[in-house]
Amino acid sequence: MKIDIAIIKQLQVQIQHDNQVAFEDLYRRFFPRLFNFCMLYVHKKETAEEIVNDVMVKIWNKREGICGIENLETYLFVSVRNLSLNYLQKHSHLYLVVAPESGVVEITDFSNPAKALEWKEISFRLSMAIEQLPDQQRTVFKLIKEEGFKYREVAEILGVSVRTVETQLYRTIKKLAAITNTFIDSPLPAKKSNNNTGLLILLLLGCFFVR
């Protein structure tokens, strides 16, 4: 359940003035939701707790600038997501993939040498392909996938319509899909293959390009 914006803003002001009780209130309000969200990525309670606590500690340590965060709720969820993906990237045998038959997103162990080599090949080819994209496609892709901007924000930055941003990203994913198709073991019906491959690319690149 979302927390009233007015309450969050009030807590931000109090925290900026070193109010530890307000910080503890913020922590209690957000921890369960952030923890559950983090578990979708890491699937380990201890790790999820550590990631959420790291994010909250950072909020307290940098509390003098907390009122400068326009949407604290979004900021917290994005921070947890980024740390979760960093964790998955660091533990390089774990990846988010789409199961070919069911389309279910899951964490898969690629510790098998053949799978690890396959992943490195995909990563290399995707990286090369991204650098060879037309300028606008590459810029749109990196702003969204590397910098975490929303479509509307990218449109404002580049001075184009949201529709143009969506189109450029779609074209990019379509191009990158051709690369990953080579590495999908199980043959899929054409329509389902396209959908799953696009999601697979987004997930793989989400792990690969986290900064």
N, C-alpha and C. Protein backbone atom coordinates (compact mmCIF):
# COMPACT_ATOMS: atom_id res chain seq x y z
N MET A 1 0.84 -1.20 0.00
CA MET A 1 0.00 0.00 0.00
C MET A 1 0.88 1.25 0.00
N LYS A 2 0.57 2.19 -0.94
CA LYS A 2 1.36 3.41 -1.03
C LYS A 2 1.12 4.28 0.20
N ILE A 3 2.15 5.01 0.57
CA ILE A 3 2.08 5.89 1.73
C ILE A 3 1.73 7.29 1.26
N ASP A 4 0.91 7.98 2.02
CA ASP A 4 0.50 9.33 1.67
C ASP A 4 1.72 10.23 1.47
N ILE A 5 1.72 10.95 0.35
CA ILE A 5 2.87 11.80 0.01
C ILE A 5 3.12 12.86 1.08
N ALA A 6 2.05 13.39 1.66
CA ALA A 6 2.21 14.43 2.68
C ALA A 6 2.96 13.89 3.89
N ILE A 7 2.68 12.66 4.26
CA ILE A 7 3.37 12.04 5.39
C ILE A 7 4.85 11.86 5.07
N ILE A 8 5.14 11.40 3.85
CA ILE A 8 6.53 11.20 3.45
C ILE A 8 7.29 12.52 3.46
N LYS A 9 6.67 13.56 2.92
CA LYS A 9 7.32 14.88 2.89
C LYS A 9 7.61 15.39 4.29
N GLN A 10 6.65 15.17 5.19
CA GLN A 10 6.84 15.61 6.58
C GLN A 10 8.01 14.87 7.22
N LEU A 11 8.08 13.56 6.97
CA LEU A 11 9.19 12.77 7.51
C LEU A 11 10.52 13.22 6.92
N GLN A 12 10.53 13.57 5.65
CA GLN A 12 11.76 14.04 5.01
C GLN A 12 12.29 15.29 5.70
N VAL A 13 11.40 16.22 5.97
CA VAL A 13 11.80 17.47 6.64
C VAL A 13 12.37 17.16 8.02
N GLN A 14 11.70 16.30 8.76
CA GLN A 14 12.14 15.95 10.11
C GLN A 14 13.49 15.23 10.08
N ILE A 15 13.64 14.32 9.13
CA ILE A 15 14.90 13.57 9.03
C ILE A 15 16.04 14.51 8.67
N GLN A 16 15.78 15.47 7.79
CA GLN A 16 16.83 16.42 7.40
C GLN A 16 17.31 17.22 8.61
N HIS A 17 16.43 17.35 9.61
CA HIS A 17 16.79 18.06 10.84
C HIS A 17 17.24 17.08 11.93
N ASP A 18 17.78 15.94 11.49
CA ASP A 18 18.41 14.96 12.38
C ASP A 18 17.44 14.27 13.35
N ASN A 19 16.19 14.17 12.96
CA ASN A 19 15.19 13.53 13.81
C ASN A 19 15.24 12.02 13.60
N GLN A 20 15.86 11.32 14.53
CA GLN A 20 16.04 9.88 14.41
C GLN A 20 14.72 9.12 14.55
N VAL A 21 13.80 9.65 15.35
CA VAL A 21 12.49 9.02 15.50
C VAL A 21 11.75 9.02 14.17
N ALA A 22 11.85 10.12 13.43
CA ALA A 22 11.21 10.22 12.12
C ALA A 22 11.82 9.22 11.14
N PHE A 23 13.15 9.05 11.24
CA PHE A 23 13.81 8.07 10.37
C PHE A 23 13.33 6.66 10.69
N GLU A 24 13.21 6.35 11.97
CA GLU A 24 12.73 5.03 12.37
C GLU A 24 11.30 4.80 11.88
N ASP A 25 10.50 5.86 11.87
CA ASP A 25 9.13 5.77 11.36
C ASP A 25 9.14 5.48 9.86
N LEU A 26 9.99 6.19 9.14
CA LEU A 26 10.14 5.96 7.70
C LEU A 26 10.58 4.53 7.43
N TYR A 27 11.53 4.07 8.21
CA TYR A 27 12.06 2.71 8.06
C TYR A 27 10.93 1.68 8.25
N ARG A 28 10.16 1.84 9.29
CA ARG A 28 9.07 0.89 9.58
C ARG A 28 8.01 0.89 8.48
N ARG A 29 7.75 2.05 7.93
CA ARG A 29 6.71 2.15 6.90
C ARG A 29 7.15 1.49 5.59
N PHE A 30 8.43 1.62 5.27
CA PHE A 30 8.89 1.16 3.96
C PHE A 30 9.54 -0.22 3.97
N PHE A 31 10.10 -0.65 5.08
CA PHE A 31 10.88 -1.88 5.07
C PHE A 31 10.12 -3.08 4.51
N PRO A 32 8.88 -3.37 4.97
CA PRO A 32 8.20 -4.57 4.46
C PRO A 32 8.03 -4.57 2.94
N ARG A 33 7.64 -3.42 2.39
CA ARG A 33 7.43 -3.34 0.94
C ARG A 33 8.74 -3.46 0.18
N LEU A 34 9.77 -2.78 0.65
CA LEU A 34 11.06 -2.85 -0.02
C LEU A 34 11.67 -4.25 0.09
N PHE A 35 11.47 -4.88 1.23
CA PHE A 35 11.98 -6.25 1.42
C PHE A 35 11.30 -7.21 0.45
N ASN A 36 9.99 -7.15 0.36
CA ASN A 36 9.25 -8.04 -0.55
C ASN A 36 9.65 -7.79 -2.00
N PHE A 37 9.83 -6.53 -2.34
CA PHE A 37 10.27 -6.17 -3.69
C PHE A 37 11.65 -6.74 -3.98
N CYS A 38 12.55 -6.60 -3.03
CA CYS A 38 13.92 -7.10 -3.20
C CYS A 38 13.94 -8.62 -3.34
N MET A 39 13.05 -9.30 -2.64
CA MET A 39 13.00 -10.77 -2.70
C MET A 39 12.65 -11.26 -4.10
N LEU A 40 11.96 -10.45 -4.88
CA LEU A 40 11.65 -10.82 -6.26
C LEU A 40 12.91 -10.99 -7.08
N TYR A 41 13.98 -10.32 -6.67
CA TYR A 41 15.24 -10.38 -7.39
C TYR A 41 16.20 -11.41 -6.78
N VAL A 42 16.43 -11.32 -5.47
CA VAL A 42 17.53 -12.08 -4.87
C VAL A 42 17.12 -13.40 -4.27
N HIS A 43 15.85 -13.55 -3.90
CA HIS A 43 15.32 -14.82 -3.38
C HIS A 43 16.03 -15.30 -2.11
N LYS A 44 16.68 -14.41 -1.40
CA LYS A 44 17.36 -14.77 -0.15
C LYS A 44 17.00 -13.73 0.90
N LYS A 45 16.43 -14.18 2.02
CA LYS A 45 15.97 -13.25 3.04
C LYS A 45 17.11 -12.40 3.59
N GLU A 46 18.23 -13.07 3.93
CA GLU A 46 19.36 -12.34 4.52
C GLU A 46 19.88 -11.27 3.56
N THR A 47 19.98 -11.63 2.29
CA THR A 47 20.48 -10.70 1.28
C THR A 47 19.52 -9.54 1.09
N ALA A 48 18.22 -9.84 1.04
CA ALA A 48 17.21 -8.80 0.87
C ALA A 48 17.24 -7.82 2.04
N GLU A 49 17.35 -8.35 3.24
CA GLU A 49 17.43 -7.50 4.42
C GLU A 49 18.65 -6.59 4.35
N GLU A 50 19.77 -7.16 3.95
CA GLU A 50 21.01 -6.39 3.87
C GLU A 50 20.90 -5.27 2.83
N ILE A 51 20.31 -5.58 1.68
CA ILE A 51 20.18 -4.58 0.62
C ILE A 51 19.27 -3.44 1.06
N VAL A 52 18.13 -3.77 1.63
CA VAL A 52 17.19 -2.73 2.08
C VAL A 52 17.82 -1.89 3.19
N ASN A 53 18.51 -2.54 4.10
CA ASN A 53 19.18 -1.79 5.18
C ASN A 53 20.27 -0.87 4.62
N ASP A 54 20.99 -1.34 3.61
CA ASP A 54 22.02 -0.49 2.99
C ASP A 54 21.40 0.77 2.40
N VAL A 55 20.26 0.59 1.74
CA VAL A 55 19.57 1.74 1.15
C VAL A 55 19.11 2.72 2.23
N MET A 56 18.54 2.19 3.30
CA MET A 56 18.03 3.05 4.36
C MET A 56 19.16 3.75 5.13
N VAL A 57 20.24 3.05 5.35
CA VAL A 57 21.40 3.66 6.01
C VAL A 57 21.95 4.81 5.17
N LYS A 58 21.96 4.62 3.85
CA LYS A 58 22.43 5.67 2.95
C LYS A 58 21.53 6.90 3.06
N ILE A 59 20.23 6.66 3.20
CA ILE A 59 19.28 7.78 3.37
C ILE A 59 19.62 8.57 4.63
N TRP A 60 19.90 7.87 5.72
CA TRP A 60 20.23 8.55 6.98
C TRP A 60 21.58 9.26 6.89
N ASN A 61 22.55 8.61 6.32
CA ASN A 61 23.89 9.21 6.23
C ASN A 61 23.90 10.46 5.34
N LYS A 62 22.99 10.52 4.39
CA LYS A 62 22.93 11.67 3.48
C LYS A 62 21.64 12.47 3.71
N ARG A 63 21.21 12.50 4.96
CA ARG A 63 19.93 13.11 5.29
C ARG A 63 19.87 14.61 5.03
N GLU A 64 21.04 15.26 4.97
CA GLU A 64 21.02 16.70 4.74
C GLU A 64 20.44 17.05 3.36
N GLY A 65 20.43 16.07 2.46
CA GLY A 65 19.88 16.34 1.12
C GLY A 65 18.59 15.61 0.84
N ILE A 66 17.96 15.04 1.86
CA ILE A 66 16.78 14.20 1.63
C ILE A 66 15.60 14.99 1.09
N CYS A 67 15.50 16.27 1.45
CA CYS A 67 14.37 17.07 0.96
C CYS A 67 14.52 17.40 -0.53
N GLY A 68 15.70 17.16 -1.05
CA GLY A 68 15.92 17.39 -2.49
C GLY A 68 15.42 16.24 -3.34
N ILE A 69 15.02 15.14 -2.70
CA ILE A 69 14.48 13.99 -3.43
C ILE A 69 12.99 14.23 -3.67
N GLU A 70 12.61 14.43 -4.91
CA GLU A 70 11.23 14.79 -5.24
C GLU A 70 10.24 13.70 -4.87
N ASN A 71 10.55 12.48 -5.24
CA ASN A 71 9.66 11.35 -4.95
C ASN A 71 10.46 10.29 -4.20
N LEU A 72 10.44 10.34 -2.89
CA LEU A 72 11.26 9.46 -2.07
C LEU A 72 10.86 8.00 -2.24
N GLU A 73 9.57 7.75 -2.39
CA GLU A 73 9.10 6.38 -2.55
C GLU A 73 9.71 5.73 -3.79
N THR A 74 9.64 6.43 -4.91
CA THR A 74 10.23 5.92 -6.15
C THR A 74 11.74 5.76 -5.99
N TYR A 75 12.36 6.75 -5.35
CA TYR A 75 13.81 6.72 -5.14
C TYR A 75 14.22 5.46 -4.38
N LEU A 76 13.48 5.12 -3.34
CA LEU A 76 13.82 3.95 -2.53
C LEU A 76 13.69 2.66 -3.33
N PHE A 77 12.61 2.54 -4.10
CA PHE A 77 12.41 1.32 -4.88
C PHE A 77 13.46 1.18 -5.98
N VAL A 78 13.81 2.28 -6.62
CA VAL A 78 14.85 2.24 -7.66
C VAL A 78 16.19 1.87 -7.04
N SER A 79 16.47 2.42 -5.86
CA SER A 79 17.74 2.11 -5.18
C SER A 79 17.83 0.63 -4.83
N VAL A 80 16.73 0.08 -4.33
CA VAL A 80 16.71 -1.35 -3.99
C VAL A 80 16.87 -2.20 -5.25
N ARG A 81 16.18 -1.80 -6.30
CA ARG A 81 16.31 -2.53 -7.57
C ARG A 81 17.76 -2.53 -8.06
N ASN A 82 18.39 -1.37 -8.04
CA ASN A 82 19.75 -1.27 -8.54
C ASN A 82 20.73 -2.10 -7.71
N LEU A 83 20.59 -2.04 -6.39
CA LEU A 83 21.47 -2.85 -5.54
C LEU A 83 21.20 -4.34 -5.73
N SER A 84 19.96 -4.70 -5.97
CA SER A 84 19.62 -6.10 -6.21
C SER A 84 20.27 -6.60 -7.50
N LEU A 85 20.19 -5.79 -8.54
CA LEU A 85 20.80 -6.17 -9.81
C LEU A 85 22.32 -6.20 -9.70
N ASN A 86 22.87 -5.27 -8.92
CA ASN A 86 24.32 -5.30 -8.68
C ASN A 86 24.73 -6.60 -7.99
N TYR A 87 23.90 -7.02 -7.05
CA TYR A 87 24.17 -8.27 -6.34
C TYR A 87 24.15 -9.45 -7.31
N LEU A 88 23.15 -9.49 -8.18
CA LEU A 88 23.06 -10.59 -9.15
C LEU A 88 24.22 -10.57 -10.12
N GLN A 89 24.64 -9.36 -10.50
CA GLN A 89 25.76 -9.24 -11.42
C GLN A 89 27.06 -9.71 -10.75
N LYS A 90 27.22 -9.37 -9.48
CA LYS A 90 28.43 -9.76 -8.76
C LYS A 90 28.52 -11.26 -8.60
N HIS A 91 27.38 -11.89 -8.35
CA HIS A 91 27.33 -13.35 -8.25
C HIS A 91 27.00 -13.87 -9.64
N SER A 92 28.02 -13.90 -10.48
CA SER A 92 27.83 -14.00 -11.92
C SER A 92 27.23 -15.30 -12.41
N HIS A 93 27.05 -16.30 -11.53
CA HIS A 93 26.42 -17.53 -12.00
C HIS A 93 24.91 -17.45 -11.94
N LEU A 94 24.37 -16.31 -11.45
CA LEU A 94 22.92 -16.15 -11.35
C LEU A 94 22.44 -15.11 -12.35
N TYR A 95 21.39 -15.45 -13.11
CA TYR A 95 20.86 -14.53 -14.09
C TYR A 95 19.35 -14.61 -14.13
N LEU A 96 18.72 -13.47 -14.48
CA LEU A 96 17.28 -13.45 -14.70
C LEU A 96 17.01 -13.89 -16.14
N VAL A 97 16.21 -14.93 -16.32
CA VAL A 97 15.90 -15.40 -17.66
C VAL A 97 14.42 -15.71 -17.77
N VAL A 98 13.98 -15.89 -18.99
CA VAL A 98 12.60 -16.29 -19.24
C VAL A 98 12.59 -17.75 -19.66
N ALA A 99 11.87 -18.57 -18.91
CA ALA A 99 11.77 -19.98 -19.25
C ALA A 99 11.09 -20.12 -20.61
N PRO A 100 11.70 -20.80 -21.58
CA PRO A 100 11.16 -20.87 -22.94
C PRO A 100 9.74 -21.42 -23.02
N GLU A 101 9.44 -22.46 -22.24
CA GLU A 101 8.14 -23.10 -22.36
C GLU A 101 7.03 -22.31 -21.66
N SER A 102 7.32 -21.82 -20.45
CA SER A 102 6.27 -21.19 -19.65
C SER A 102 6.25 -19.67 -19.76
N GLY A 103 7.39 -19.08 -20.15
CA GLY A 103 7.48 -17.62 -20.19
C GLY A 103 7.67 -17.02 -18.82
N VAL A 104 7.90 -17.86 -17.79
CA VAL A 104 8.06 -17.37 -16.42
C VAL A 104 9.46 -16.82 -16.22
N VAL A 105 9.55 -15.65 -15.59
CA VAL A 105 10.85 -15.06 -15.27
C VAL A 105 11.39 -15.71 -14.01
N GLU A 106 12.63 -16.17 -14.07
CA GLU A 106 13.20 -16.83 -12.91
C GLU A 106 14.70 -16.61 -12.87
N ILE A 107 15.31 -16.85 -11.70
CA ILE A 107 16.76 -16.79 -11.56
C ILE A 107 17.32 -18.16 -11.89
N THR A 108 18.27 -18.19 -12.80
CA THR A 108 18.83 -19.46 -13.27
C THR A 108 20.32 -19.53 -12.96
N ASP A 109 20.76 -20.70 -12.61
CA ASP A 109 22.17 -20.93 -12.31
C ASP A 109 22.91 -21.29 -13.59
N PHE A 110 23.83 -20.42 -13.99
CA PHE A 110 24.62 -20.67 -15.18
C PHE A 110 26.04 -21.09 -14.81
N SER A 111 26.19 -21.74 -13.67
CA SER A 111 27.53 -22.16 -13.24
C SER A 111 28.09 -23.25 -14.14
N ASN A 112 27.20 -23.92 -14.89
CA ASN A 112 27.64 -24.89 -15.89
C ASN A 112 28.58 -24.18 -16.87
N PRO A 113 29.80 -24.72 -17.10
CA PRO A 113 30.77 -24.05 -17.97
C PRO A 113 30.22 -23.69 -19.34
N ALA A 114 29.43 -24.59 -19.93
CA ALA A 114 28.87 -24.31 -21.25
C ALA A 114 27.92 -23.12 -21.20
N LYS A 115 27.10 -23.06 -20.14
CA LYS A 115 26.17 -21.94 -20.00
C LYS A 115 26.91 -20.64 -19.72
N ALA A 116 27.96 -20.72 -18.91
CA ALA A 116 28.74 -19.53 -18.60
C ALA A 116 29.37 -18.96 -19.87
N LEU A 117 29.90 -19.85 -20.72
CA LEU A 117 30.50 -19.41 -21.98
C LEU A 117 29.45 -18.79 -22.88
N GLU A 118 28.26 -19.41 -22.89
CA GLU A 118 27.16 -18.90 -23.70
C GLU A 118 26.78 -17.49 -23.25
N TRP A 119 26.71 -17.29 -21.92
CA TRP A 119 26.37 -15.97 -21.38
C TRP A 119 27.41 -14.93 -21.78
N LYS A 120 28.68 -15.27 -21.69
CA LYS A 120 29.73 -14.32 -22.06
C LYS A 120 29.63 -13.95 -23.53
N GLU A 121 29.30 -14.92 -24.36
CA GLU A 121 29.16 -14.66 -25.79
C GLU A 121 27.98 -13.72 -26.06
N ILE A 122 26.86 -13.98 -25.37
CA ILE A 122 25.69 -13.11 -25.53
C ILE A 122 26.03 -11.69 -25.09
N SER A 123 26.67 -11.57 -23.93
CA SER A 123 27.02 -10.25 -23.39
C SER A 123 27.92 -9.49 -24.34
N PHE A 124 28.91 -10.18 -24.89
CA PHE A 124 29.85 -9.54 -25.81
C PHE A 124 29.14 -9.06 -27.07
N ARG A 125 28.31 -9.93 -27.62
CA ARG A 125 27.61 -9.58 -28.86
C ARG A 125 26.62 -8.45 -28.65
N LEU A 126 25.93 -8.47 -27.53
CA LEU A 126 25.00 -7.39 -27.23
C LEU A 126 25.73 -6.06 -27.06
N SER A 127 26.84 -6.08 -26.36
CA SER A 127 27.62 -4.87 -26.14
C SER A 127 28.10 -4.28 -27.47
N MET A 128 28.59 -5.13 -28.34
CA MET A 128 29.05 -4.68 -29.65
C MET A 128 27.89 -4.13 -30.48
N ALA A 129 26.76 -4.82 -30.43
CA ALA A 129 25.60 -4.40 -31.21
C ALA A 129 25.08 -3.04 -30.75
N ILE A 130 25.10 -2.82 -29.45
CA ILE A 130 24.61 -1.55 -28.91
C ILE A 130 25.47 -0.38 -29.37
N GLU A 131 26.77 -0.58 -29.39
CA GLU A 131 27.68 0.48 -29.83
C GLU A 131 27.52 0.78 -31.32
N GLN A 132 26.99 -0.16 -32.08
CA GLN A 132 26.82 0.03 -33.52
C GLN A 132 25.43 0.54 -33.89
N LEU A 133 24.57 0.78 -32.90
CA LEU A 133 23.24 1.30 -33.17
C LEU A 133 23.31 2.73 -33.71
N PRO A 134 22.30 3.15 -34.49
CA PRO A 134 22.23 4.56 -34.88
C PRO A 134 22.23 5.44 -33.63
N ASP A 135 22.71 6.67 -33.79
CA ASP A 135 22.93 7.55 -32.63
C ASP A 135 21.70 7.69 -31.74
N GLN A 136 20.54 7.99 -32.34
CA GLN A 136 19.36 8.22 -31.51
C GLN A 136 18.91 6.95 -30.80
N GLN A 137 18.97 5.81 -31.48
CA GLN A 137 18.59 4.54 -30.85
C GLN A 137 19.51 4.23 -29.69
N ARG A 138 20.80 4.42 -29.89
CA ARG A 138 21.77 4.13 -28.83
C ARG A 138 21.56 5.06 -27.64
N THR A 139 21.30 6.33 -27.90
CA THR A 139 21.09 7.29 -26.83
C THR A 139 19.84 6.96 -26.04
N VAL A 140 18.75 6.68 -26.74
CA VAL A 140 17.49 6.31 -26.06
C VAL A 140 17.69 5.08 -25.21
N PHE A 141 18.33 4.08 -25.78
CA PHE A 141 18.54 2.81 -25.07
C PHE A 141 19.35 3.02 -23.80
N LYS A 142 20.44 3.76 -23.90
CA LYS A 142 21.31 3.94 -22.74
C LYS A 142 20.66 4.81 -21.66
N LEU A 143 19.91 5.81 -22.07
CA LEU A 143 19.24 6.65 -21.08
C LEU A 143 18.22 5.84 -20.28
N ILE A 144 17.54 4.92 -20.96
CA ILE A 144 16.53 4.11 -20.29
C ILE A 144 17.14 2.97 -19.50
N LYS A 145 18.02 2.20 -20.13
CA LYS A 145 18.52 0.98 -19.53
C LYS A 145 19.72 1.20 -18.61
N GLU A 146 20.54 2.21 -18.91
CA GLU A 146 21.72 2.44 -18.07
C GLU A 146 21.49 3.52 -17.04
N GLU A 147 20.79 4.59 -17.43
CA GLU A 147 20.59 5.71 -16.52
C GLU A 147 19.27 5.61 -15.76
N GLY A 148 18.36 4.76 -16.22
CA GLY A 148 17.12 4.54 -15.49
C GLY A 148 16.04 5.59 -15.69
N PHE A 149 16.15 6.40 -16.76
CA PHE A 149 15.13 7.41 -17.02
C PHE A 149 13.86 6.76 -17.57
N LYS A 150 12.72 7.41 -17.33
CA LYS A 150 11.45 6.96 -17.87
C LYS A 150 11.31 7.49 -19.30
N TYR A 151 10.39 6.90 -20.06
CA TYR A 151 10.19 7.31 -21.45
C TYR A 151 9.94 8.82 -21.53
N ARG A 152 9.05 9.32 -20.66
CA ARG A 152 8.71 10.75 -20.69
C ARG A 152 9.94 11.61 -20.43
N GLU A 153 10.77 11.18 -19.48
CA GLU A 153 11.98 11.95 -19.15
C GLU A 153 12.96 11.94 -20.32
N VAL A 154 13.10 10.80 -20.98
CA VAL A 154 13.99 10.72 -22.14
C VAL A 154 13.48 11.62 -23.26
N ALA A 155 12.17 11.63 -23.45
CA ALA A 155 11.57 12.47 -24.48
C ALA A 155 11.88 13.95 -24.20
N GLU A 156 11.80 14.35 -22.94
CA GLU A 156 12.09 15.74 -22.57
C GLU A 156 13.56 16.06 -22.79
N ILE A 157 14.43 15.13 -22.43
CA ILE A 157 15.88 15.34 -22.58
C ILE A 157 16.26 15.52 -24.05
N LEU A 158 15.68 14.66 -24.91
CA LEU A 158 16.05 14.66 -26.33
C LEU A 158 15.19 15.58 -27.19
N GLY A 159 14.12 16.12 -26.59
CA GLY A 159 13.25 17.02 -27.34
C GLY A 159 12.43 16.31 -28.41
N VAL A 160 12.01 15.09 -28.11
CA VAL A 160 11.19 14.31 -29.04
C VAL A 160 9.93 13.86 -28.33
N SER A 161 9.04 13.21 -29.07
CA SER A 161 7.80 12.73 -28.47
C SER A 161 8.05 11.42 -27.74
N VAL A 162 7.15 11.10 -26.79
CA VAL A 162 7.23 9.83 -26.09
C VAL A 162 7.08 8.68 -27.09
N ARG A 163 6.25 8.88 -28.08
CA ARG A 163 6.05 7.86 -29.11
C ARG A 163 7.34 7.56 -29.85
N THR A 164 8.12 8.60 -30.12
CA THR A 164 9.41 8.40 -30.79
C THR A 164 10.35 7.58 -29.92
N VAL A 165 10.36 7.86 -28.63
CA VAL A 165 11.19 7.10 -27.69
C VAL A 165 10.79 5.64 -27.70
N GLU A 166 9.48 5.39 -27.62
CA GLU A 166 8.98 4.01 -27.62
C GLU A 166 9.37 3.29 -28.90
N THR A 167 9.24 3.99 -30.03
CA THR A 167 9.58 3.39 -31.32
C THR A 167 11.06 3.05 -31.41
N GLN A 168 11.91 3.98 -30.95
CA GLN A 168 13.35 3.75 -31.01
C GLN A 168 13.77 2.57 -30.14
N LEU A 169 13.16 2.48 -28.95
CA LEU A 169 13.49 1.37 -28.06
C LEU A 169 13.01 0.05 -28.65
N TYR A 170 11.82 0.06 -29.25
CA TYR A 170 11.29 -1.16 -29.87
C TYR A 170 12.22 -1.63 -30.99
N ARG A 171 12.69 -0.71 -31.81
CA ARG A 171 13.59 -1.08 -32.91
C ARG A 171 14.90 -1.65 -32.38
N THR A 172 15.36 -1.07 -31.28
CA THR A 172 16.60 -1.57 -30.68
C THR A 172 16.43 -3.00 -30.18
N ILE A 173 15.35 -3.24 -29.45
CA ILE A 173 15.10 -4.58 -28.92
C ILE A 173 14.94 -5.58 -30.05
N LYS A 174 14.27 -5.16 -31.12
CA LYS A 174 14.08 -6.05 -32.27
C LYS A 174 15.41 -6.44 -32.89
N LYS A 175 16.33 -5.47 -32.96
CA LYS A 175 17.66 -5.77 -33.52
C LYS A 175 18.44 -6.71 -32.60
N LEU A 176 18.38 -6.43 -31.30
CA LEU A 176 19.13 -7.26 -30.36
C LEU A 176 18.52 -8.65 -30.24
N ALA A 177 17.23 -8.77 -30.52
CA ALA A 177 16.57 -10.07 -30.45
C ALA A 177 17.20 -11.05 -31.42
N ALA A 178 17.61 -10.55 -32.58
CA ALA A 178 18.21 -11.42 -33.59
C ALA A 178 19.50 -12.05 -33.07
N ILE A 179 20.19 -11.34 -32.16
CA ILE A 179 21.44 -11.86 -31.60
C ILE A 179 21.16 -12.98 -30.62
N THR A 180 20.20 -12.76 -29.71
CA THR A 180 19.94 -13.76 -28.68
C THR A 180 19.19 -14.97 -29.21
N ASN A 181 18.46 -14.81 -30.33
CA ASN A 181 17.73 -15.95 -30.90
C ASN A 181 18.65 -17.12 -31.17
N THR A 182 19.88 -16.82 -31.55
CA THR A 182 20.86 -17.86 -31.87
C THR A 182 21.15 -18.74 -30.68
N PHE A 183 20.98 -18.20 -29.45
CA PHE A 183 21.41 -18.90 -28.25
C PHE A 183 20.25 -19.54 -27.48
N ILE A 184 19.03 -19.44 -28.02
CA ILE A 184 17.89 -20.08 -27.35
C ILE A 184 17.86 -21.54 -27.76
N ASP A 185 17.96 -22.42 -26.78
CA ASP A 185 18.07 -23.84 -27.07
C ASP A 185 16.81 -24.44 -27.66
N SER A 186 15.66 -24.15 -27.02
CA SER A 186 14.42 -24.79 -27.42
C SER A 186 13.74 -24.01 -28.52
N PRO A 187 13.30 -24.69 -29.59
CA PRO A 187 12.57 -23.99 -30.65
C PRO A 187 11.23 -23.52 -30.13
N LEU A 188 10.86 -22.29 -30.50
CA LEU A 188 9.61 -21.71 -30.00
C LEU A 188 8.73 -21.30 -31.18
N PRO A 189 7.43 -21.28 -30.98
CA PRO A 189 6.55 -20.71 -31.99
C PRO A 189 6.94 -19.25 -32.22
N ALA A 190 6.83 -18.79 -33.45
CA ALA A 190 7.38 -17.48 -33.82
C ALA A 190 6.88 -16.37 -32.93
N LYS A 191 5.56 -16.30 -32.68
CA LYS A 191 5.02 -15.19 -31.90
C LYS A 191 5.53 -15.20 -30.49
N LYS A 192 5.51 -16.36 -29.85
CA LYS A 192 5.95 -16.46 -28.46
C LYS A 192 7.44 -16.21 -28.34
N SER A 193 8.20 -16.66 -29.32
CA SER A 193 9.65 -16.46 -29.31
C SER A 193 9.98 -14.99 -29.30
N ASN A 194 9.30 -14.19 -30.13
CA ASN A 194 9.57 -12.76 -30.18
C ASN A 194 9.30 -12.10 -28.85
N ASN A 195 8.16 -12.44 -28.22
CA ASN A 195 7.81 -11.82 -26.94
C ASN A 195 8.81 -12.19 -25.87
N ASN A 196 9.14 -13.47 -25.78
CA ASN A 196 10.05 -13.91 -24.73
C ASN A 196 11.45 -13.38 -24.95
N THR A 197 11.88 -13.33 -26.22
CA THR A 197 13.22 -12.86 -26.51
C THR A 197 13.37 -11.40 -26.13
N GLY A 198 12.33 -10.59 -26.42
CA GLY A 198 12.40 -9.18 -26.05
C GLY A 198 12.54 -9.02 -24.55
N LEU A 199 11.77 -9.79 -23.78
CA LEU A 199 11.85 -9.71 -22.32
C LEU A 199 13.18 -10.23 -21.83
N LEU A 200 13.68 -11.28 -22.47
CA LEU A 200 14.98 -11.83 -22.11
C LEU A 200 16.06 -10.79 -22.27
N ILE A 201 16.02 -10.05 -23.38
CA ILE A 201 17.02 -9.00 -23.63
C ILE A 201 16.97 -7.94 -22.55
N LEU A 202 15.76 -7.47 -22.22
CA LEU A 202 15.64 -6.44 -21.20
C LEU A 202 16.19 -6.91 -19.87
N LEU A 203 15.93 -8.16 -19.51
CA LEU A 203 16.39 -8.68 -18.24
C LEU A 203 17.90 -8.87 -18.24
N LEU A 204 18.41 -9.43 -19.33
CA LEU A 204 19.86 -9.63 -19.42
C LEU A 204 20.59 -8.30 -19.37
N LEU A 205 20.10 -7.32 -20.12
CA LEU A 205 20.74 -6.03 -20.14
C LEU A 205 20.57 -5.30 -18.82
N GLY A 206 19.46 -5.57 -18.14
CA GLY A 206 19.27 -4.99 -16.81
C GLY A 206 20.37 -5.43 -15.87
N CYS A 207 20.76 -6.71 -15.96
CA CYS A 207 21.85 -7.22 -15.11
C CYS A 207 23.20 -6.74 -15.63
N PHE A 208 23.34 -6.73 -16.96
CA PHE A 208 24.65 -6.50 -17.57
C PHE A 208 25.13 -5.06 -17.44
N PHE A 209 24.16 -4.11 -17.51
CA PHE A 209 24.56 -2.72 -17.57
C PHE A 209 24.32 -1.93 -16.29
N VAL A 210 24.00 -2.59 -15.20
CA VAL A 210 23.80 -1.86 -13.94
C VAL A 210 25.10 -1.16 -13.53
N ARG A 211 24.97 0.10 -13.15
CA ARG A 211 26.16 0.86 -12.71
C ARG A 211 25.91 1.38 -11.29
